[in-house]
């Protein structure tokens, strides 16, 4: 039960960390998507500007108003804008790749989070089952204690009754012993009297016999 509680606490702590990390990564993804959108907007502006400059160059090629120098400056600007566009496209590609990795990682974390939640539910169920088992065990122990207490009380009552009966028997025995001693003393006294009487008769008999002789 302690191990299950420790696992549950560890998973809940890990769950909090996962949730914090998910929030951070979602924030990063949102920021990067905003950056990508800004880059897309800027690239659209650049494309529009390039198109405008290209059109201006075409017009300049047929017009005597623009000099060769202005056309070259515009071509350089177009080249620079195209480089910026390429750079932005490259950065946008990198950010999209990072976002894809982050989203993949978030998916794995989400799966892990779901697994952790399932484990937590499993542990909570197990802990409830253990709690119920312990309650049943406590009730069984209480029942046994009650039975033993009643049995002990019955034994104590029996012992008390036995002790009372023994004291009654001891009193009866003592009384019988006293009566026996008294009866024995009376019998011995009667025997003594009878012996004296017998001796007196024997003496008279001997005297009578001697006189007759």
Protein backbone atom coordinates (compact mmCIF):
# COMPACT_ATOMS: atom_id res chain seq x y z
CA UNK A 1 0.00 0.00 0.00
CA UNK A 2 2.87 2.39 0.83
CA UNK A 3 4.52 1.54 -2.51
CA UNK A 4 1.27 2.26 -4.38
CA UNK A 5 0.91 5.59 -2.56
CA UNK A 6 4.52 6.49 -3.45
CA UNK A 7 3.92 5.55 -7.11
CA UNK A 8 0.75 7.66 -7.15
CA UNK A 9 2.53 10.69 -5.67
CA UNK A 10 5.44 10.29 -8.11
CA UNK A 11 3.06 10.05 -11.08
CA UNK A 12 1.08 13.09 -9.92
CA UNK A 13 4.34 15.06 -9.56
CA UNK A 14 5.45 13.88 -13.02
CA UNK A 15 2.01 14.82 -14.35
CA UNK A 16 2.41 18.39 -13.06
CA UNK A 17 5.82 18.64 -14.74
CA UNK A 18 4.38 17.30 -18.01
CA UNK A 19 1.52 19.77 -17.90
CA UNK A 20 3.93 22.67 -17.24
CA UNK A 21 6.18 21.54 -20.09
CA UNK A 22 3.16 21.17 -22.39
CA UNK A 23 2.04 24.71 -21.56
CA UNK A 24 5.55 26.04 -22.27
CA UNK A 25 5.83 24.19 -25.58
CA UNK A 26 2.33 25.26 -26.63
CA UNK A 27 3.33 28.85 -25.87
CA UNK A 28 6.51 28.41 -27.96
CA UNK A 29 4.51 26.90 -30.82
CA UNK A 30 2.01 29.77 -30.69
CA UNK A 31 4.81 32.34 -30.73
CA UNK A 32 6.55 30.58 -33.62
CA UNK A 33 3.31 30.31 -35.57
CA UNK A 34 2.79 34.03 -35.02
CA UNK A 35 6.36 34.60 -36.27
CA UNK A 36 5.70 32.39 -39.30
CA UNK A 37 2.49 34.31 -40.03
CA UNK A 38 4.40 37.59 -39.74
CA UNK A 39 7.08 36.21 -42.10
CA UNK A 40 4.41 35.07 -44.55
CA UNK A 41 2.88 38.53 -44.43
CA UNK A 42 6.29 40.12 -44.96
CA UNK A 43 7.08 37.70 -47.84
CA UNK A 44 3.75 38.59 -49.44
CA UNK A 45 4.69 42.25 -49.14
CA UNK A 46 8.12 41.51 -50.62
CA UNK A 47 6.58 39.55 -53.48
CA UNK A 48 4.22 42.44 -54.13
CA UNK A 49 7.12 44.89 -53.97
CA UNK A 50 9.22 42.70 -56.28
CA UNK A 51 6.32 42.50 -58.70
CA UNK A 52 5.93 46.26 -58.59
CA UNK A 53 9.65 46.84 -59.15
CA UNK A 54 9.73 44.28 -61.96
CA UNK A 55 6.84 46.03 -63.59
CA UNK A 56 8.56 49.37 -63.09
CA UNK A 57 11.72 47.97 -64.69
CA UNK A 58 9.72 46.79 -67.66
CA UNK A 59 8.22 50.24 -68.02
CA UNK A 60 11.61 51.86 -67.51
CA UNK A 61 13.11 49.76 -70.27
CA UNK A 62 10.63 51.37 -72.68
CA UNK A 63 10.79 54.86 -71.24
CA UNK A 64 13.40 57.50 -71.63
CA UNK A 65 12.50 58.96 -68.24
CA UNK A 66 14.48 56.31 -66.23
CA UNK A 67 18.20 56.26 -66.61
CA UNK A 68 20.35 53.18 -66.73
CA UNK A 69 21.54 53.98 -63.23
CA UNK A 70 18.02 53.95 -61.78
CA UNK A 71 17.28 50.64 -63.46
CA UNK A 72 20.44 49.12 -62.01
CA UNK A 73 19.56 50.39 -58.54
CA UNK A 74 16.11 48.89 -58.86
CA UNK A 75 17.56 45.59 -60.06
CA UNK A 76 19.89 45.54 -57.04
CA UNK A 77 16.93 46.30 -54.80
CA UNK A 78 14.99 43.49 -56.40
CA UNK A 79 17.94 41.14 -55.89
CA UNK A 80 18.23 42.19 -52.24
CA UNK A 81 14.49 41.75 -51.73
CA UNK A 82 14.67 38.31 -53.31
CA UNK A 83 17.52 37.41 -50.93
CA UNK A 84 15.46 38.62 -47.99
CA UNK A 85 12.53 36.58 -49.27
CA UNK A 86 14.76 33.49 -49.59
CA UNK A 87 16.12 34.06 -46.08
CA UNK A 88 12.62 34.46 -44.68
CA UNK A 89 11.44 31.33 -46.50
CA UNK A 90 14.44 29.43 -45.09
CA UNK A 91 13.71 30.67 -41.54
CA UNK A 92 10.02 29.90 -41.94
CA UNK A 93 10.93 26.38 -43.08
CA UNK A 94 13.15 25.90 -40.03
CA UNK A 95 10.42 27.16 -37.70
CA UNK A 96 7.86 24.88 -39.33
CA UNK A 97 10.26 21.93 -38.89
CA UNK A 98 10.75 22.90 -35.23
CA UNK A 99 7.00 23.18 -34.79
CA UNK A 100 6.54 19.73 -36.34
CA UNK A 101 9.08 18.28 -33.88
CA UNK A 102 7.44 20.11 -30.97
CA UNK A 103 4.01 18.89 -31.99
CA UNK A 104 5.37 15.35 -32.31
CA UNK A 105 6.93 15.67 -28.85
CA UNK A 106 3.66 17.06 -27.51
CA UNK A 107 1.83 14.06 -28.97
CA UNK A 108 4.24 11.71 -27.19
CA UNK A 109 3.86 13.71 -23.99
CA UNK A 110 0.08 13.58 -24.37
CA UNK A 111 0.28 9.79 -24.74
CA UNK A 112 2.55 9.61 -21.68
CA UNK A 113 0.17 11.89 -19.81
CA UNK A 114 -2.75 9.62 -20.70
CA UNK A 115 -0.71 6.61 -19.59
CA UNK A 116 0.09 8.37 -16.31
CA UNK A 117 -3.56 9.24 -15.78
CA UNK A 118 -4.52 5.63 -16.38
CA UNK A 119 -1.84 4.51 -13.93
CA UNK A 120 -3.04 7.04 -11.34
CA UNK A 121 -6.63 5.80 -11.74
CA UNK A 122 -5.39 2.22 -11.45
CA UNK A 123 -3.46 3.08 -8.27
CA UNK A 124 -6.43 4.95 -6.81
CA UNK A 125 -8.64 1.94 -7.53
CA UNK A 126 -6.05 -0.36 -5.95
CA UNK A 127 -5.77 1.88 -2.90
CA UNK A 128 -9.56 1.90 -2.51
CA UNK A 129 -9.59 -1.90 -2.81
CA UNK A 130 -6.81 -2.17 -0.22
CA UNK A 131 -8.75 0.23 2.01
CA UNK A 132 -11.87 -1.94 1.68
CA UNK A 133 -9.82 -5.08 2.36
CA UNK A 134 -8.39 -3.44 5.46
CA UNK A 135 -11.86 -2.41 6.58
CA UNK A 136 -13.06 -6.00 6.11
CA UNK A 137 -10.04 -7.27 8.01
CA UNK A 138 -10.64 -4.76 10.81
CA UNK A 139 -14.31 -5.80 11.01
CA UNK A 140 -13.30 -9.48 11.09
CA UNK A 141 -10.73 -8.76 13.82
CA UNK A 142 -13.34 -6.81 15.80
CA UNK A 143 -15.76 -9.72 15.43
CA UNK A 144 -13.11 -12.16 16.65
CA UNK A 145 -12.21 -9.85 19.55
CA UNK A 146 -15.91 -9.64 20.49
CA UNK A 147 -16.23 -13.42 20.35
CA UNK A 148 -13.06 -13.89 22.41
CA UNK A 149 -14.26 -11.28 24.92
CA UNK A 150 -17.58 -13.07 25.32
CA UNK A 151 -15.80 -16.41 25.57
CA UNK A 152 -13.45 -14.96 28.18
CA UNK A 153 -16.38 -13.57 30.16
CA UNK A 154 -18.06 -17.00 30.02
CA UNK A 155 -14.83 -18.64 31.19
CA UNK A 156 -14.50 -16.11 33.99
CA UNK A 157 -18.11 -16.78 35.02
CA UNK A 158 -17.44 -20.53 34.94
CA UNK A 159 -14.27 -20.09 37.00
CA UNK A 160 -16.18 -17.94 39.48
CA UNK A 161 -18.88 -20.62 39.73
CA UNK A 162 -16.24 -23.33 40.16
CA UNK A 163 -14.53 -21.32 42.86
CA UNK A 164 -17.84 -20.79 44.67
CA UNK A 165 -18.63 -24.52 44.36
CA UNK A 166 -15.16 -25.37 45.62
CA UNK A 167 -15.55 -23.07 48.63
CA UNK A 168 -18.95 -24.68 49.33
CA UNK A 169 -17.38 -28.16 49.11
CA UNK A 170 -14.50 -27.09 51.33
CA UNK A 171 -17.01 -25.79 53.88
CA UNK A 172 -18.97 -29.05 53.67
CA UNK A 173 -15.75 -31.03 53.98
CA UNK A 174 -14.65 -28.98 56.97
CA UNK A 175 -18.07 -29.44 58.57
CA UNK A 176 -18.00 -33.19 57.90
CA UNK A 177 -14.48 -33.40 59.30
CA UNK A 178 -15.57 -31.55 62.44
CA UNK A 179 -18.62 -33.81 62.81
CA UNK A 180 -16.41 -36.89 62.27
CA UNK A 181 -13.94 -35.72 64.89
CA UNK A 182 -16.79 -35.10 67.32
CA UNK A 183 -18.37 -38.48 66.52
CA UNK A 184 -14.98 -40.19 66.88
CA UNK A 185 -14.43 -38.56 70.25
CA UNK A 186 -17.87 -39.63 71.45
CA UNK A 187 -17.30 -43.18 70.16
CA UNK A 188 -13.93 -43.40 71.90
CA UNK A 189 -15.54 -42.16 75.08
CA UNK A 190 -18.28 -44.76 74.79
CA UNK A 191 -15.69 -47.46 74.06
CA UNK A 192 -13.79 -46.43 77.20
CA UNK A 193 -16.99 -46.65 79.27
CA UNK A 194 -17.87 -49.99 77.73
CA UNK A 195 -14.38 -51.34 78.40
CA UNK A 196 -14.59 -50.20 82.04
CA UNK A 197 -18.01 -51.80 82.35
CA UNK A 198 -16.67 -55.00 80.74
CA UNK A 199 -13.73 -55.07 83.13
CA UNK A 200 -16.10 -54.58 86.08
CA UNK A 201 -18.28 -57.50 84.92
CA UNK A 202 -15.19 -59.63 84.36
CA UNK A 203 -13.94 -58.79 87.84
CA UNK A 204 -17.32 -59.70 89.40
CA UNK A 205 -17.44 -62.88 87.35
CA UNK A 206 -13.95 -63.88 88.54
CA UNK A 207 -14.87 -63.14 92.16
CA UNK A 208 -18.06 -65.19 91.91
CA UNK A 209 -16.20 -68.07 90.30
CA UNK A 210 -13.54 -68.02 93.00
CA UNK A 211 -16.18 -68.07 95.77
CA UNK A 212 -17.98 -70.98 94.22
CA UNK A 213 -14.79 -72.91 93.95
